[in-house]
């Protein structure tokens, strides 16, 4: 892409009014746009899944009129680091629940066992953390979170084999 930072194979970002209908539209865009970058078509599915889950959370818990979203793919020779970032404002209770979910997620040694545990808990809890656990288990992405007051920034990162580019 013209104007992309050095080493970026692709990136896009958008800011929009929190709207659930846009989540599926953005997921389809990510799937179609990123299928050409990776060796295995499943990887684009994983990136699209992570996009969907993270955007859905950002929209669901947003406390103002804007949700920010960015997907970067940075090429490192034959591998690409995908970084998905969401940014929005959330109320204090949601921020605390997110912080707890991220801490549990990062402390888990087995992403699939953690995801299964969250599935069992999902029926009993309002804030299950299921989407974040799904991103870690199924998309094989690590999650970090930065919080400052009501501002929440979530980063999901994964590294995957890429196709060779045409110079």
N, C-alpha and C. Protein backbone atom coordinates (compact mmCIF):
# COMPACT_ATOMS: atom_id res chain seq x y z
N UNK A 1 0.84 -1.18 0.00
CA UNK A 1 0.00 0.00 0.00
C UNK A 1 0.88 1.24 0.00
N UNK A 2 0.54 2.19 -0.78
CA UNK A 2 1.28 3.44 -0.80
C UNK A 2 1.11 4.15 0.53
N UNK A 3 2.18 4.74 0.99
CA UNK A 3 2.11 5.52 2.22
C UNK A 3 2.17 4.69 3.49
N UNK A 4 2.29 3.37 3.35
CA UNK A 4 2.35 2.55 4.56
C UNK A 4 3.75 2.64 5.17
N UNK A 5 3.83 2.52 6.48
CA UNK A 5 5.14 2.54 7.13
C UNK A 5 6.03 1.41 6.62
N UNK A 6 7.34 1.63 6.62
CA UNK A 6 8.29 0.63 6.14
C UNK A 6 8.06 -0.71 6.85
N UNK A 7 8.04 -1.78 6.06
CA UNK A 7 7.85 -3.11 6.60
C UNK A 7 6.40 -3.55 6.67
N UNK A 8 5.47 -2.63 6.51
CA UNK A 8 4.06 -2.99 6.56
C UNK A 8 3.65 -3.64 5.24
N UNK A 9 3.08 -4.83 5.32
CA UNK A 9 2.53 -5.48 4.15
C UNK A 9 1.15 -4.89 3.86
N UNK A 10 0.44 -4.54 4.91
CA UNK A 10 -0.90 -3.95 4.78
C UNK A 10 -1.32 -3.39 6.13
N UNK A 11 -2.17 -2.39 6.07
CA UNK A 11 -2.80 -1.91 7.29
C UNK A 11 -4.03 -1.10 6.91
N UNK A 12 -4.96 -1.03 7.82
CA UNK A 12 -6.08 -0.11 7.66
C UNK A 12 -6.58 0.25 9.05
N UNK A 13 -7.21 1.39 9.12
CA UNK A 13 -7.79 1.82 10.38
C UNK A 13 -9.07 2.58 10.10
N UNK A 14 -9.93 2.56 11.10
CA UNK A 14 -11.19 3.29 10.96
C UNK A 14 -11.68 3.70 12.34
N UNK A 15 -12.47 4.73 12.34
CA UNK A 15 -13.16 5.17 13.55
C UNK A 15 -14.62 5.32 13.16
N UNK A 16 -15.52 4.85 14.01
CA UNK A 16 -16.93 4.90 13.67
C UNK A 16 -17.79 4.92 14.91
N UNK A 17 -19.02 5.35 14.73
CA UNK A 17 -20.01 5.29 15.79
C UNK A 17 -20.24 3.82 16.11
N UNK A 18 -20.24 3.43 17.39
CA UNK A 18 -20.44 2.02 17.73
C UNK A 18 -21.74 1.48 17.11
N UNK A 19 -21.58 0.52 16.21
CA UNK A 19 -22.69 0.00 15.45
C UNK A 19 -22.46 -1.50 15.23
N UNK A 20 -23.33 -2.32 15.80
CA UNK A 20 -23.19 -3.77 15.72
C UNK A 20 -23.21 -4.27 14.28
N UNK A 21 -24.01 -3.65 13.41
CA UNK A 21 -24.11 -4.11 12.02
C UNK A 21 -22.77 -4.00 11.29
N UNK A 22 -21.93 -3.04 11.68
CA UNK A 22 -20.64 -2.88 11.02
C UNK A 22 -19.65 -3.99 11.36
N UNK A 23 -19.84 -4.68 12.46
CA UNK A 23 -18.89 -5.70 12.89
C UNK A 23 -18.75 -6.79 11.82
N UNK A 24 -19.86 -7.31 11.32
CA UNK A 24 -19.80 -8.36 10.29
C UNK A 24 -19.25 -7.84 8.98
N UNK A 25 -19.58 -6.60 8.65
CA UNK A 25 -19.06 -5.99 7.42
C UNK A 25 -17.54 -5.87 7.47
N UNK A 26 -17.02 -5.40 8.60
CA UNK A 26 -15.58 -5.27 8.76
C UNK A 26 -14.92 -6.64 8.75
N UNK A 27 -15.54 -7.63 9.37
CA UNK A 27 -15.00 -8.99 9.36
C UNK A 27 -14.84 -9.51 7.93
N UNK A 28 -15.87 -9.33 7.11
CA UNK A 28 -15.80 -9.79 5.71
C UNK A 28 -14.69 -9.04 4.95
N UNK A 29 -14.59 -7.74 5.19
CA UNK A 29 -13.53 -6.96 4.54
C UNK A 29 -12.16 -7.52 4.92
N UNK A 30 -11.93 -7.74 6.21
CA UNK A 30 -10.63 -8.25 6.67
C UNK A 30 -10.35 -9.60 6.04
N UNK A 31 -11.34 -10.48 6.02
CA UNK A 31 -11.16 -11.81 5.43
C UNK A 31 -10.75 -11.69 3.97
N UNK A 32 -11.49 -10.91 3.20
CA UNK A 32 -11.19 -10.76 1.77
C UNK A 32 -9.87 -10.06 1.51
N UNK A 33 -9.59 -9.02 2.26
CA UNK A 33 -8.38 -8.24 2.05
C UNK A 33 -7.11 -8.99 2.43
N UNK A 34 -7.18 -9.81 3.48
CA UNK A 34 -5.98 -10.44 4.00
C UNK A 34 -5.76 -11.87 3.50
N UNK A 35 -6.71 -12.44 2.75
CA UNK A 35 -6.52 -13.79 2.21
C UNK A 35 -5.31 -13.87 1.30
N UNK A 36 -4.99 -12.82 0.61
CA UNK A 36 -3.89 -12.82 -0.35
C UNK A 36 -2.51 -12.72 0.31
N UNK A 37 -2.48 -12.39 1.58
CA UNK A 37 -1.19 -12.17 2.25
C UNK A 37 -0.57 -13.43 2.85
N UNK A 38 -1.40 -14.36 3.26
CA UNK A 38 -0.90 -15.48 4.06
C UNK A 38 -0.85 -16.79 3.27
N UNK A 39 0.09 -17.65 3.60
CA UNK A 39 0.25 -18.93 2.92
C UNK A 39 -0.97 -19.82 3.11
N UNK A 40 -1.49 -19.86 4.29
CA UNK A 40 -2.62 -20.73 4.62
C UNK A 40 -3.89 -19.89 4.68
N UNK A 41 -4.92 -20.24 3.90
CA UNK A 41 -6.17 -19.47 3.92
C UNK A 41 -6.82 -19.43 5.31
N UNK A 42 -6.54 -20.40 6.14
CA UNK A 42 -7.08 -20.43 7.49
C UNK A 42 -6.62 -19.22 8.32
N UNK A 43 -5.45 -18.71 8.00
CA UNK A 43 -4.91 -17.58 8.77
C UNK A 43 -5.79 -16.35 8.59
N UNK A 44 -6.24 -16.09 7.36
CA UNK A 44 -7.15 -14.96 7.14
C UNK A 44 -8.43 -15.17 7.93
N UNK A 45 -8.89 -16.42 8.04
CA UNK A 45 -10.07 -16.71 8.86
C UNK A 45 -9.81 -16.39 10.33
N UNK A 46 -8.61 -16.73 10.81
CA UNK A 46 -8.26 -16.45 12.20
C UNK A 46 -8.21 -14.95 12.46
N UNK A 47 -7.62 -14.21 11.53
CA UNK A 47 -7.53 -12.75 11.68
C UNK A 47 -8.93 -12.14 11.63
N UNK A 48 -9.78 -12.65 10.75
CA UNK A 48 -11.16 -12.15 10.66
C UNK A 48 -11.93 -12.46 11.94
N UNK A 49 -11.74 -13.65 12.50
CA UNK A 49 -12.39 -14.01 13.76
C UNK A 49 -11.95 -13.08 14.88
N UNK A 50 -10.65 -12.84 14.98
CA UNK A 50 -10.14 -11.94 16.02
C UNK A 50 -10.70 -10.54 15.83
N UNK A 51 -10.74 -10.08 14.59
CA UNK A 51 -11.32 -8.78 14.27
C UNK A 51 -12.75 -8.70 14.77
N UNK A 52 -13.53 -9.71 14.45
CA UNK A 52 -14.94 -9.74 14.83
C UNK A 52 -15.10 -9.67 16.35
N UNK A 53 -14.40 -10.52 17.06
CA UNK A 53 -14.54 -10.59 18.52
C UNK A 53 -14.11 -9.29 19.19
N UNK A 54 -12.99 -8.73 18.75
CA UNK A 54 -12.49 -7.51 19.37
C UNK A 54 -13.39 -6.31 19.05
N UNK A 55 -13.84 -6.23 17.81
CA UNK A 55 -14.74 -5.13 17.45
C UNK A 55 -16.08 -5.25 18.16
N UNK A 56 -16.58 -6.47 18.26
CA UNK A 56 -17.86 -6.68 18.96
C UNK A 56 -17.76 -6.21 20.41
N UNK A 57 -16.65 -6.52 21.08
CA UNK A 57 -16.44 -6.05 22.45
C UNK A 57 -16.35 -4.53 22.50
N UNK A 58 -15.59 -3.95 21.58
CA UNK A 58 -15.43 -2.49 21.58
C UNK A 58 -16.77 -1.80 21.39
N UNK A 59 -17.59 -2.32 20.50
CA UNK A 59 -18.91 -1.74 20.25
C UNK A 59 -19.83 -1.95 21.45
N UNK A 60 -19.81 -3.16 21.99
CA UNK A 60 -20.70 -3.51 23.11
C UNK A 60 -20.43 -2.67 24.35
N UNK A 61 -19.17 -2.39 24.63
CA UNK A 61 -18.81 -1.72 25.87
C UNK A 61 -18.45 -0.25 25.70
N UNK A 62 -18.61 0.29 24.50
CA UNK A 62 -18.27 1.68 24.25
C UNK A 62 -19.21 2.61 25.00
N UNK A 63 -18.63 3.66 25.61
CA UNK A 63 -19.41 4.62 26.39
C UNK A 63 -19.54 5.97 25.70
N UNK A 64 -19.05 6.07 24.48
CA UNK A 64 -19.19 7.34 23.78
C UNK A 64 -19.49 7.10 22.31
N UNK A 65 -19.31 8.12 21.50
CA UNK A 65 -19.74 8.05 20.11
C UNK A 65 -18.69 7.55 19.15
N UNK A 66 -17.59 7.02 19.63
CA UNK A 66 -16.57 6.59 18.68
C UNK A 66 -15.85 5.34 19.18
N UNK A 67 -15.60 4.45 18.21
CA UNK A 67 -14.77 3.27 18.42
C UNK A 67 -13.66 3.34 17.38
N UNK A 68 -12.43 3.16 17.82
CA UNK A 68 -11.28 3.17 16.91
C UNK A 68 -10.81 1.74 16.73
N UNK A 69 -10.37 1.45 15.51
CA UNK A 69 -9.98 0.09 15.16
C UNK A 69 -8.85 0.16 14.14
N UNK A 70 -7.85 -0.72 14.30
CA UNK A 70 -6.73 -0.77 13.35
C UNK A 70 -6.23 -2.20 13.23
N UNK A 71 -5.89 -2.58 12.01
CA UNK A 71 -5.25 -3.87 11.75
C UNK A 71 -3.95 -3.58 10.99
N UNK A 72 -2.84 -4.04 11.54
CA UNK A 72 -1.53 -3.91 10.90
C UNK A 72 -1.01 -5.30 10.58
N UNK A 73 -0.35 -5.44 9.45
CA UNK A 73 0.44 -6.63 9.16
C UNK A 73 1.84 -6.14 8.82
N UNK A 74 2.79 -6.51 9.66
CA UNK A 74 4.18 -6.09 9.50
C UNK A 74 4.97 -7.31 9.04
N UNK A 75 5.62 -7.16 7.89
CA UNK A 75 6.38 -8.28 7.31
C UNK A 75 7.75 -8.39 8.00
N UNK A 76 8.08 -9.61 8.40
CA UNK A 76 9.39 -9.96 8.93
C UNK A 76 9.87 -11.15 8.10
N UNK A 77 10.50 -10.86 6.96
CA UNK A 77 10.94 -11.87 5.98
C UNK A 77 9.73 -12.68 5.51
N UNK A 78 9.65 -13.96 5.86
CA UNK A 78 8.55 -14.80 5.35
C UNK A 78 7.40 -14.93 6.35
N UNK A 79 7.41 -14.11 7.39
CA UNK A 79 6.35 -14.14 8.40
C UNK A 79 5.74 -12.76 8.52
N UNK A 80 4.51 -12.73 8.94
CA UNK A 80 3.84 -11.45 9.14
C UNK A 80 3.28 -11.36 10.55
N UNK A 81 3.58 -10.27 11.22
CA UNK A 81 3.02 -10.02 12.54
C UNK A 81 1.74 -9.22 12.35
N UNK A 82 0.63 -9.80 12.81
CA UNK A 82 -0.67 -9.13 12.76
C UNK A 82 -0.90 -8.48 14.11
N UNK A 83 -1.26 -7.21 14.07
CA UNK A 83 -1.57 -6.48 15.30
C UNK A 83 -2.94 -5.85 15.11
N UNK A 84 -3.88 -6.28 15.91
CA UNK A 84 -5.24 -5.71 15.88
C UNK A 84 -5.39 -4.86 17.13
N UNK A 85 -5.80 -3.61 16.94
CA UNK A 85 -5.94 -2.68 18.05
C UNK A 85 -7.34 -2.09 18.06
N UNK A 86 -7.97 -2.12 19.22
CA UNK A 86 -9.24 -1.42 19.40
C UNK A 86 -9.05 -0.39 20.51
N UNK A 87 -9.79 0.71 20.38
CA UNK A 87 -9.70 1.76 21.39
C UNK A 87 -11.10 2.34 21.57
N UNK A 88 -11.54 2.39 22.82
CA UNK A 88 -12.83 3.00 23.13
C UNK A 88 -12.87 3.36 24.62
N UNK A 89 -13.90 4.07 24.99
CA UNK A 89 -14.12 4.41 26.41
C UNK A 89 -15.15 3.42 26.96
N UNK A 90 -14.92 3.00 28.19
CA UNK A 90 -15.83 2.05 28.85
C UNK A 90 -16.07 2.52 30.28
N UNK A 91 -17.17 2.06 30.87
CA UNK A 91 -17.44 2.47 32.25
C UNK A 91 -16.50 1.72 33.20
N UNK A 92 -16.41 2.20 34.42
CA UNK A 92 -15.43 1.69 35.40
C UNK A 92 -15.62 0.20 35.67
N UNK A 93 -16.86 -0.28 35.78
CA UNK A 93 -17.08 -1.71 36.03
C UNK A 93 -16.58 -2.56 34.87
N UNK A 94 -16.87 -2.12 33.64
CA UNK A 94 -16.41 -2.87 32.47
C UNK A 94 -14.89 -2.87 32.38
N UNK A 95 -14.26 -1.76 32.74
CA UNK A 95 -12.80 -1.68 32.73
C UNK A 95 -12.22 -2.68 33.73
N UNK A 96 -12.79 -2.73 34.92
CA UNK A 96 -12.31 -3.70 35.94
C UNK A 96 -12.49 -5.14 35.47
N UNK A 97 -13.65 -5.45 34.89
CA UNK A 97 -13.89 -6.81 34.38
C UNK A 97 -12.92 -7.17 33.26
N UNK A 98 -12.66 -6.22 32.38
CA UNK A 98 -11.72 -6.46 31.29
C UNK A 98 -10.32 -6.71 31.84
N UNK A 99 -9.90 -5.89 32.78
CA UNK A 99 -8.58 -6.06 33.38
C UNK A 99 -8.44 -7.45 34.02
N UNK A 100 -9.49 -7.89 34.71
CA UNK A 100 -9.47 -9.23 35.32
C UNK A 100 -9.40 -10.32 34.25
N UNK A 101 -10.20 -10.17 33.18
CA UNK A 101 -10.20 -11.16 32.11
C UNK A 101 -8.84 -11.25 31.41
N UNK A 102 -8.24 -10.11 31.14
CA UNK A 102 -6.93 -10.09 30.48
C UNK A 102 -5.88 -10.73 31.38
N UNK A 103 -5.91 -10.43 32.67
CA UNK A 103 -4.96 -11.02 33.62
C UNK A 103 -5.11 -12.54 33.65
N UNK A 104 -6.36 -13.03 33.73
CA UNK A 104 -6.60 -14.48 33.72
C UNK A 104 -6.13 -15.11 32.41
N UNK A 105 -6.44 -14.45 31.32
CA UNK A 105 -6.07 -14.95 30.00
C UNK A 105 -4.57 -15.08 29.85
N UNK A 106 -3.86 -14.04 30.24
CA UNK A 106 -2.40 -14.05 30.11
C UNK A 106 -1.75 -15.04 31.07
N UNK A 107 -2.41 -15.34 32.18
CA UNK A 107 -1.87 -16.27 33.16
C UNK A 107 -2.14 -17.73 32.85
N UNK A 108 -2.94 -17.98 31.85
CA UNK A 108 -3.31 -19.35 31.50
C UNK A 108 -2.24 -19.99 30.62
N UNK A 109 -1.84 -21.21 30.97
CA UNK A 109 -0.84 -21.93 30.18
C UNK A 109 -1.44 -22.62 28.96
N UNK A 110 -2.72 -22.97 29.03
CA UNK A 110 -3.37 -23.72 27.96
C UNK A 110 -4.55 -22.91 27.43
N UNK A 111 -4.38 -22.22 26.29
CA UNK A 111 -5.45 -21.37 25.77
C UNK A 111 -6.76 -22.12 25.50
N UNK A 112 -6.69 -23.36 25.04
CA UNK A 112 -7.92 -24.10 24.74
C UNK A 112 -8.66 -24.51 26.01
N UNK A 113 -7.93 -24.93 27.03
CA UNK A 113 -8.57 -25.28 28.30
C UNK A 113 -9.20 -24.03 28.93
N UNK A 114 -8.53 -22.91 28.83
CA UNK A 114 -9.06 -21.65 29.35
C UNK A 114 -10.33 -21.27 28.61
N UNK A 115 -10.31 -21.40 27.29
CA UNK A 115 -11.48 -21.09 26.46
C UNK A 115 -12.66 -21.99 26.85
N UNK A 116 -12.41 -23.27 27.04
CA UNK A 116 -13.48 -24.19 27.45
C UNK A 116 -14.03 -23.81 28.82
N UNK A 117 -13.17 -23.41 29.73
CA UNK A 117 -13.61 -22.95 31.05
C UNK A 117 -14.52 -21.73 30.90
N UNK A 118 -14.10 -20.78 30.06
CA UNK A 118 -14.91 -19.58 29.84
C UNK A 118 -16.25 -19.91 29.19
N UNK A 119 -16.29 -20.91 28.33
CA UNK A 119 -17.57 -21.33 27.73
C UNK A 119 -18.52 -21.85 28.80
N UNK A 120 -17.98 -22.63 29.74
CA UNK A 120 -18.81 -23.14 30.82
C UNK A 120 -19.33 -22.01 31.70
N UNK A 121 -18.51 -20.99 31.92
CA UNK A 121 -18.89 -19.86 32.77
C UNK A 121 -19.81 -18.85 32.07
N UNK A 122 -19.79 -18.84 30.74
CA UNK A 122 -20.49 -17.80 29.97
C UNK A 122 -21.98 -17.72 30.29
N UNK A 123 -22.58 -18.82 30.56
CA UNK A 123 -24.02 -18.83 30.84
C UNK A 123 -24.34 -18.19 32.19
N UNK A 124 -23.36 -18.16 33.08
CA UNK A 124 -23.61 -17.67 34.44
C UNK A 124 -23.12 -16.25 34.68
N UNK A 125 -22.32 -15.69 33.75
CA UNK A 125 -21.72 -14.38 33.99
C UNK A 125 -22.05 -13.42 32.86
N UNK A 126 -22.28 -12.18 33.25
CA UNK A 126 -22.54 -11.14 32.24
C UNK A 126 -21.29 -10.84 31.42
N UNK A 127 -20.14 -10.77 32.07
CA UNK A 127 -18.88 -10.46 31.40
C UNK A 127 -18.01 -11.71 31.43
N UNK A 128 -18.22 -12.59 30.47
CA UNK A 128 -17.57 -13.89 30.50
C UNK A 128 -16.12 -13.87 30.06
N UNK A 129 -15.72 -12.90 29.24
CA UNK A 129 -14.37 -12.93 28.68
C UNK A 129 -14.23 -13.96 27.59
N UNK A 130 -15.34 -14.50 27.13
CA UNK A 130 -15.32 -15.57 26.14
C UNK A 130 -14.70 -15.12 24.82
N UNK A 131 -15.04 -13.94 24.35
CA UNK A 131 -14.50 -13.46 23.07
C UNK A 131 -13.00 -13.33 23.09
N UNK A 132 -12.46 -12.79 24.17
CA UNK A 132 -11.01 -12.66 24.29
C UNK A 132 -10.34 -14.02 24.37
N UNK A 133 -10.95 -14.94 25.11
CA UNK A 133 -10.41 -16.30 25.21
C UNK A 133 -10.44 -16.98 23.85
N UNK A 134 -11.48 -16.71 23.08
CA UNK A 134 -11.60 -17.30 21.74
C UNK A 134 -10.51 -16.77 20.82
N UNK A 135 -10.21 -15.48 20.91
CA UNK A 135 -9.15 -14.89 20.09
C UNK A 135 -7.82 -15.56 20.41
N UNK A 136 -7.55 -15.76 21.69
CA UNK A 136 -6.28 -16.38 22.08
C UNK A 136 -6.20 -17.83 21.63
N UNK A 137 -7.30 -18.59 21.82
CA UNK A 137 -7.28 -20.02 21.50
C UNK A 137 -7.37 -20.28 20.01
N UNK A 138 -8.33 -19.67 19.34
CA UNK A 138 -8.58 -20.01 17.94
C UNK A 138 -7.74 -19.20 16.96
N UNK A 139 -7.46 -17.95 17.28
CA UNK A 139 -6.64 -17.12 16.38
C UNK A 139 -5.17 -17.16 16.77
N UNK A 140 -4.87 -17.80 17.90
CA UNK A 140 -3.50 -17.95 18.39
C UNK A 140 -2.82 -16.60 18.55
N UNK A 141 -3.54 -15.67 19.17
CA UNK A 141 -3.02 -14.32 19.39
C UNK A 141 -2.85 -14.06 20.87
N UNK A 142 -1.81 -13.33 21.20
CA UNK A 142 -1.58 -12.87 22.56
C UNK A 142 -2.27 -11.52 22.72
N UNK A 143 -2.77 -11.25 23.91
CA UNK A 143 -3.53 -10.05 24.16
C UNK A 143 -2.86 -9.20 25.23
N UNK A 144 -2.85 -7.90 25.00
CA UNK A 144 -2.45 -6.94 26.02
C UNK A 144 -3.50 -5.84 26.06
N UNK A 145 -3.51 -5.14 27.17
CA UNK A 145 -4.51 -4.10 27.35
C UNK A 145 -3.88 -2.93 28.08
N UNK A 146 -4.18 -1.73 27.61
CA UNK A 146 -3.74 -0.51 28.28
C UNK A 146 -5.00 0.22 28.73
N UNK A 147 -5.01 0.67 29.97
CA UNK A 147 -6.16 1.37 30.49
C UNK A 147 -5.72 2.66 31.16
N UNK A 148 -6.46 3.71 30.86
CA UNK A 148 -6.21 5.00 31.48
C UNK A 148 -7.57 5.62 31.76
N UNK A 149 -8.01 5.52 33.01
CA UNK A 149 -9.35 5.98 33.33
C UNK A 149 -10.36 5.14 32.59
N UNK A 150 -11.20 5.76 31.77
CA UNK A 150 -12.20 5.04 31.00
C UNK A 150 -11.70 4.60 29.63
N UNK A 151 -10.51 5.03 29.22
CA UNK A 151 -9.97 4.68 27.92
C UNK A 151 -9.37 3.28 27.96
N UNK A 152 -9.80 2.44 27.04
CA UNK A 152 -9.33 1.07 26.96
C UNK A 152 -8.73 0.84 25.57
N UNK A 153 -7.50 0.35 25.54
CA UNK A 153 -6.84 0.00 24.29
C UNK A 153 -6.43 -1.47 24.39
N UNK A 154 -6.96 -2.27 23.47
CA UNK A 154 -6.63 -3.70 23.44
C UNK A 154 -5.79 -3.97 22.20
N UNK A 155 -4.71 -4.73 22.39
CA UNK A 155 -3.86 -5.16 21.28
C UNK A 155 -3.88 -6.69 21.26
N UNK A 156 -4.13 -7.25 20.09
CA UNK A 156 -4.01 -8.70 19.88
C UNK A 156 -2.91 -8.89 18.84
N UNK A 157 -1.96 -9.81 19.13
CA UNK A 157 -0.83 -10.02 18.24
C UNK A 157 -0.65 -11.50 17.93
N UNK A 158 -0.37 -11.75 16.67
CA UNK A 158 -0.04 -13.11 16.24
C UNK A 158 0.93 -13.03 15.07
N UNK A 159 1.75 -14.06 14.90
CA UNK A 159 2.70 -14.11 13.80
C UNK A 159 2.43 -15.35 12.97
N UNK A 160 2.36 -15.16 11.65
CA UNK A 160 1.94 -16.22 10.75
C UNK A 160 2.80 -16.22 9.48
N UNK A 161 2.92 -17.39 8.81
CA UNK A 161 3.67 -17.44 7.53
C UNK A 161 2.94 -16.64 6.45
N UNK A 162 3.73 -15.87 5.69
CA UNK A 162 3.17 -15.05 4.62
C UNK A 162 3.61 -15.56 3.26
N UNK A 163 2.85 -15.16 2.27
CA UNK A 163 3.26 -15.41 0.88
C UNK A 163 4.45 -14.50 0.57
N UNK A 164 5.24 -14.90 -0.40
CA UNK A 164 6.33 -14.01 -0.85
C UNK A 164 5.71 -12.90 -1.65
N UNK A 165 6.20 -11.69 -1.42
CA UNK A 165 5.65 -10.56 -2.16
C UNK A 165 6.42 -10.39 -3.47
N UNK A 166 5.82 -9.64 -4.38
CA UNK A 166 6.38 -9.47 -5.72
C UNK A 166 7.28 -8.25 -5.80
N UNK A 167 8.19 -8.11 -4.86
CA UNK A 167 9.17 -7.06 -4.93
C UNK A 167 8.61 -5.75 -4.65
